[in-house]
């Protein structure tokens, strides 16, 4: 999108409302957590060995969650309350986004290292979905938390203090 102003000197509009993007991210996260908890409860012996049903659930749950979250965000796109719920004013978005992206990349690299280190014959026989869905999100959340800890005030609103 071109950031230049148009003839009426109006700033460019965001193609997706904040509520839709927030709903997508929220649904993706909830879908991932629910799918991971379901697999760990239903398949108590899951470990990192491959089980086709568990892998299918681990892959499908975040996608379904993102779809449901996007639908909810679309239905509530004109609601300021839902937009504030998904991204409050005090969130230092730039720092947190940088942190979770960096942490996610580190997590993906560590998951790849784990898979290559545990592949004695050159191929990994375990659950690749479980490796990626435990290691990468953990490091993404850790990076986001570090980014939040390093955040400064945004728009004059101070972040909440820890209890």
C-alpha atoms as a PDB file:
ATOM      1  CA  UNK A   1       0.000   0.000   0.000  1.00  0.00           C
ATOM      2  CA  UNK A   2       1.406   3.403  -0.940  1.00  0.00           C
ATOM      3  CA  UNK A   3       1.840   5.608   2.153  1.00  0.00           C
ATOM      4  CA  UNK A   4       1.385   8.842   0.167  1.00  0.00           C
ATOM      5  CA  UNK A   5      -1.658  10.983   0.819  1.00  0.00           C
ATOM      6  CA  UNK A   6      -4.426  11.156  -1.733  1.00  0.00           C
ATOM      7  CA  UNK A   7      -6.040  14.264  -3.254  1.00  0.00           C
ATOM      8  CA  UNK A   8      -8.106  14.970  -0.145  1.00  0.00           C
ATOM      9  CA  UNK A   9      -5.049  14.776   2.155  1.00  0.00           C
ATOM     10  CA  UNK A  10      -6.476  11.790   3.963  1.00  0.00           C
ATOM     11  CA  UNK A  11      -4.129   9.181   5.372  1.00  0.00           C
ATOM     12  CA  UNK A  12      -4.277   5.733   3.738  1.00  0.00           C
ATOM     13  CA  UNK A  13      -6.816   3.356   5.258  1.00  0.00           C
ATOM     14  CA  UNK A  14      -5.902   0.053   6.814  1.00  0.00           C
ATOM     15  CA  UNK A  15      -7.403  -2.706   4.624  1.00  0.00           C
ATOM     16  CA  UNK A  16      -8.147  -4.946   7.648  1.00  0.00           C
ATOM     17  CA  UNK A  17      -9.744  -3.576  10.791  1.00  0.00           C
ATOM     18  CA  UNK A  18      -7.840  -4.097  14.010  1.00  0.00           C
ATOM     19  CA  UNK A  19     -10.576  -6.389  15.323  1.00  0.00           C
ATOM     20  CA  UNK A  20     -10.159  -8.847  12.425  1.00  0.00           C
ATOM     21  CA  UNK A  21      -6.386  -9.098  12.835  1.00  0.00           C
ATOM     22  CA  UNK A  22      -6.711  -9.346  16.601  1.00  0.00           C
ATOM     23  CA  UNK A  23      -9.378 -12.030  16.293  1.00  0.00           C
ATOM     24  CA  UNK A  24      -7.164 -14.022  13.940  1.00  0.00           C
ATOM     25  CA  UNK A  25      -4.175 -13.916  16.288  1.00  0.00           C
ATOM     26  CA  UNK A  26      -6.331 -14.660  19.316  1.00  0.00           C
ATOM     27  CA  UNK A  27      -8.048 -17.578  17.549  1.00  0.00           C
ATOM     28  CA  UNK A  28      -4.714 -18.948  16.334  1.00  0.00           C
ATOM     29  CA  UNK A  29      -3.296 -18.874  19.851  1.00  0.00           C
ATOM     30  CA  UNK A  30      -6.385 -20.388  21.474  1.00  0.00           C
ATOM     31  CA  UNK A  31      -6.597 -23.058  18.758  1.00  0.00           C
ATOM     32  CA  UNK A  32      -2.950 -23.975  19.262  1.00  0.00           C
ATOM     33  CA  UNK A  33      -3.340 -24.196  23.055  1.00  0.00           C
ATOM     34  CA  UNK A  34      -6.583 -26.186  22.923  1.00  0.00           C
ATOM     35  CA  UNK A  35      -5.188 -28.573  20.297  1.00  0.00           C
ATOM     36  CA  UNK A  36      -1.964 -29.115  22.227  1.00  0.00           C
ATOM     37  CA  UNK A  37      -3.800 -29.692  25.522  1.00  0.00           C
ATOM     38  CA  UNK A  38      -6.272 -32.056  23.820  1.00  0.00           C
ATOM     39  CA  UNK A  39      -3.471 -34.113  22.305  1.00  0.00           C
ATOM     40  CA  UNK A  40      -1.533 -34.274  25.566  1.00  0.00           C
ATOM     41  CA  UNK A  41      -4.646 -35.392  27.496  1.00  0.00           C
ATOM     42  CA  UNK A  42      -6.003 -37.790  24.878  1.00  0.00           C
ATOM     43  CA  UNK A  43      -2.653 -39.344  23.959  1.00  0.00           C
ATOM     44  CA  UNK A  44      -0.774 -39.465  27.289  1.00  0.00           C
ATOM     45  CA  UNK A  45       2.052 -41.503  25.769  1.00  0.00           C
ATOM     46  CA  UNK A  46       2.550 -39.063  22.876  1.00  0.00           C
ATOM     47  CA  UNK A  47       6.183 -38.118  23.458  1.00  0.00           C
ATOM     48  CA  UNK A  48       7.882 -37.129  20.245  1.00  0.00           C
ATOM     49  CA  UNK A  49       7.010 -40.335  18.374  1.00  0.00           C
ATOM     50  CA  UNK A  50       4.758 -40.025  15.364  1.00  0.00           C
ATOM     51  CA  UNK A  51       1.034 -40.676  15.694  1.00  0.00           C
ATOM     52  CA  UNK A  52      -0.999 -39.715  12.663  1.00  0.00           C
ATOM     53  CA  UNK A  53      -4.169 -38.753  14.567  1.00  0.00           C
ATOM     54  CA  UNK A  54      -2.278 -36.578  17.041  1.00  0.00           C
ATOM     55  CA  UNK A  55      -0.298 -34.933  14.261  1.00  0.00           C
ATOM     56  CA  UNK A  56      -3.483 -34.163  12.343  1.00  0.00           C
ATOM     57  CA  UNK A  57      -5.037 -32.547  15.406  1.00  0.00           C
ATOM     58  CA  UNK A  58      -1.878 -30.537  16.094  1.00  0.00           C
ATOM     59  CA  UNK A  59      -1.832 -29.229  12.543  1.00  0.00           C
ATOM     60  CA  UNK A  60      -5.564 -28.559  12.182  1.00  0.00           C
ATOM     61  CA  UNK A  61      -6.352 -26.970  15.571  1.00  0.00           C
ATOM     62  CA  UNK A  62      -4.486 -23.653  15.044  1.00  0.00           C
ATOM     63  CA  UNK A  63      -5.906 -23.319  11.526  1.00  0.00           C
ATOM     64  CA  UNK A  64      -9.459 -23.901  12.722  1.00  0.00           C
ATOM     65  CA  UNK A  65      -8.884 -21.515  15.643  1.00  0.00           C
ATOM     66  CA  UNK A  66      -7.597 -18.803  13.305  1.00  0.00           C
ATOM     67  CA  UNK A  67     -10.642 -19.256  11.077  1.00  0.00           C
ATOM     68  CA  UNK A  68     -13.040 -18.983  14.002  1.00  0.00           C
ATOM     69  CA  UNK A  69     -11.146 -15.970  15.390  1.00  0.00           C
ATOM     70  CA  UNK A  70     -11.203 -14.257  12.010  1.00  0.00           C
ATOM     71  CA  UNK A  71     -14.940 -14.847  11.735  1.00  0.00           C
ATOM     72  CA  UNK A  72     -15.554 -13.430  15.207  1.00  0.00           C
ATOM     73  CA  UNK A  73     -13.315 -10.449  14.419  1.00  0.00           C
ATOM     74  CA  UNK A  74     -15.202  -9.885  11.171  1.00  0.00           C
ATOM     75  CA  UNK A  75     -18.571  -9.994  12.908  1.00  0.00           C
ATOM     76  CA  UNK A  76     -17.316  -7.586  15.587  1.00  0.00           C
ATOM     77  CA  UNK A  77     -15.223  -5.401  13.250  1.00  0.00           C
ATOM     78  CA  UNK A  78     -17.116  -2.233  14.165  1.00  0.00           C
ATOM     79  CA  UNK A  79     -16.811  -2.910  17.900  1.00  0.00           C
ATOM     80  CA  UNK A  80     -14.182  -0.777  19.596  1.00  0.00           C
ATOM     81  CA  UNK A  81     -14.477  -2.918  22.726  1.00  0.00           C
ATOM     82  CA  UNK A  82     -13.351  -6.086  20.896  1.00  0.00           C
ATOM     83  CA  UNK A  83     -10.489  -4.206  19.234  1.00  0.00           C
ATOM     84  CA  UNK A  84      -9.343  -2.894  22.620  1.00  0.00           C
ATOM     85  CA  UNK A  85      -9.659  -6.399  24.074  1.00  0.00           C
ATOM     86  CA  UNK A  86      -7.359  -7.915  21.448  1.00  0.00           C
ATOM     87  CA  UNK A  87      -4.832  -5.043  21.498  1.00  0.00           C
ATOM     88  CA  UNK A  88      -5.130  -2.666  24.468  1.00  0.00           C
ATOM     89  CA  UNK A  89      -3.627   0.816  24.254  1.00  0.00           C
ATOM     90  CA  UNK A  90      -0.852  -0.009  26.711  1.00  0.00           C
ATOM     91  CA  UNK A  91       0.618  -2.812  24.616  1.00  0.00           C
ATOM     92  CA  UNK A  92       3.944  -1.848  23.122  1.00  0.00           C
ATOM     93  CA  UNK A  93       3.177  -3.550  19.831  1.00  0.00           C
ATOM     94  CA  UNK A  94       6.466  -2.828  18.096  1.00  0.00           C
ATOM     95  CA  UNK A  95       8.650  -4.281  20.842  1.00  0.00           C
ATOM     96  CA  UNK A  96       6.434  -7.308  21.464  1.00  0.00           C
ATOM     97  CA  UNK A  97       6.142  -8.034  17.733  1.00  0.00           C
ATOM     98  CA  UNK A  98       9.916  -7.827  17.352  1.00  0.00           C
ATOM     99  CA  UNK A  99      10.353 -10.146  20.343  1.00  0.00           C
ATOM    100  CA  UNK A 100       7.909 -12.827  19.268  1.00  0.00           C
ATOM    101  CA  UNK A 101       9.185 -12.831  15.692  1.00  0.00           C
ATOM    102  CA  UNK A 102      12.781 -13.162  16.817  1.00  0.00           C
ATOM    103  CA  UNK A 103      11.857 -15.801  19.401  1.00  0.00           C
ATOM    104  CA  UNK A 104       9.815 -17.679  16.809  1.00  0.00           C
ATOM    105  CA  UNK A 105      12.742 -17.796  14.380  1.00  0.00           C
ATOM    106  CA  UNK A 106      15.052 -19.003  17.177  1.00  0.00           C
ATOM    107  CA  UNK A 107      12.453 -21.639  18.115  1.00  0.00           C
ATOM    108  CA  UNK A 108      12.165 -22.862  14.527  1.00  0.00           C
ATOM    109  CA  UNK A 109      15.946 -23.109  14.251  1.00  0.00           C
ATOM    110  CA  UNK A 110      16.157 -25.011  17.556  1.00  0.00           C
ATOM    111  CA  UNK A 111      13.342 -27.355  16.455  1.00  0.00           C
ATOM    112  CA  UNK A 112      15.213 -28.012  13.208  1.00  0.00           C
ATOM    113  CA  UNK A 113      18.376 -28.687  15.212  1.00  0.00           C
ATOM    114  CA  UNK A 114      16.490 -31.121  17.470  1.00  0.00           C
ATOM    115  CA  UNK A 115      15.109 -32.968  14.457  1.00  0.00           C
ATOM    116  CA  UNK A 116      18.490 -33.183  12.738  1.00  0.00           C
ATOM    117  CA  UNK A 117      20.262 -34.252  15.947  1.00  0.00           C
ATOM    118  CA  UNK A 118      17.726 -37.067  16.494  1.00  0.00           C
ATOM    119  CA  UNK A 119      17.759 -38.396  12.929  1.00  0.00           C
ATOM    120  CA  UNK A 120      20.234 -41.274  13.030  1.00  0.00           C
ATOM    121  CA  UNK A 121      19.570 -42.436   9.478  1.00  0.00           C
ATOM    122  CA  UNK A 122      19.025 -39.033   7.919  1.00  0.00           C
ATOM    123  CA  UNK A 123      15.259 -38.855   8.424  1.00  0.00           C
ATOM    124  CA  UNK A 124      13.221 -38.146  11.547  1.00  0.00           C
ATOM    125  CA  UNK A 125      10.731 -40.821  12.506  1.00  0.00           C
ATOM    126  CA  UNK A 126       9.030 -38.865  15.297  1.00  0.00           C
ATOM    127  CA  UNK A 127       6.270 -36.273  15.360  1.00  0.00           C
ATOM    128  CA  UNK A 128       7.563 -33.235  13.535  1.00  0.00           C
ATOM    129  CA  UNK A 129       4.325 -31.372  14.282  1.00  0.00           C
ATOM    130  CA  UNK A 130       4.774 -31.862  18.038  1.00  0.00           C
ATOM    131  CA  UNK A 131       8.410 -30.734  17.912  1.00  0.00           C
ATOM    132  CA  UNK A 132       7.560 -27.543  16.050  1.00  0.00           C
ATOM    133  CA  UNK A 133       4.372 -26.838  18.037  1.00  0.00           C
ATOM    134  CA  UNK A 134       6.110 -27.056  21.394  1.00  0.00           C
ATOM    135  CA  UNK A 135       9.528 -25.513  20.788  1.00  0.00           C
ATOM    136  CA  UNK A 136       8.748 -22.658  18.361  1.00  0.00           C
ATOM    137  CA  UNK A 137       5.740 -21.176  20.251  1.00  0.00           C
ATOM    138  CA  UNK A 138       7.597 -21.431  23.571  1.00  0.00           C
ATOM    139  CA  UNK A 139      10.477 -19.353  22.244  1.00  0.00           C
ATOM    140  CA  UNK A 140       8.073 -16.959  20.486  1.00  0.00           C
ATOM    141  CA  UNK A 141       6.268 -16.366  23.793  1.00  0.00           C
ATOM    142  CA  UNK A 142       9.598 -15.960  25.570  1.00  0.00           C
ATOM    143  CA  UNK A 143      10.733 -13.425  22.959  1.00  0.00           C
ATOM    144  CA  UNK A 144       7.433 -11.546  23.247  1.00  0.00           C
ATOM    145  CA  UNK A 145       7.789 -11.422  27.018  1.00  0.00           C
ATOM    146  CA  UNK A 146      11.318 -10.067  26.696  1.00  0.00           C
ATOM    147  CA  UNK A 147      10.095  -7.482  24.180  1.00  0.00           C
ATOM    148  CA  UNK A 148       7.313  -6.476  26.570  1.00  0.00           C
ATOM    149  CA  UNK A 149       9.815  -6.200  29.421  1.00  0.00           C
ATOM    150  CA  UNK A 150      11.949  -3.863  27.309  1.00  0.00           C
ATOM    151  CA  UNK A 151       8.937  -1.811  26.159  1.00  0.00           C
ATOM    152  CA  UNK A 152       8.571   1.869  26.775  1.00  0.00           C
ATOM    153  CA  UNK A 153       5.420   3.945  27.115  1.00  0.00           C
ATOM    154  CA  UNK A 154       3.250   4.163  24.037  1.00  0.00           C
ATOM    155  CA  UNK A 155       0.889   7.024  23.341  1.00  0.00           C
ATOM    156  CA  UNK A 156       1.361   8.283  26.875  1.00  0.00           C
ATOM    157  CA  UNK A 157      -0.178   5.143  28.402  1.00  0.00           C
ATOM    158  CA  UNK A 158       2.081   3.304  30.808  1.00  0.00           C
ATOM    159  CA  UNK A 159       2.071  -0.493  30.721  1.00  0.00           C
ATOM    160  CA  UNK A 160       0.496  -2.155  33.738  1.00  0.00           C
ATOM    161  CA  UNK A 161       2.839  -2.940  36.610  1.00  0.00           C
ATOM    162  CA  UNK A 162       3.503  -6.457  37.768  1.00  0.00           C
ATOM    163  CA  UNK A 163       1.803  -7.488  40.985  1.00  0.00           C
END
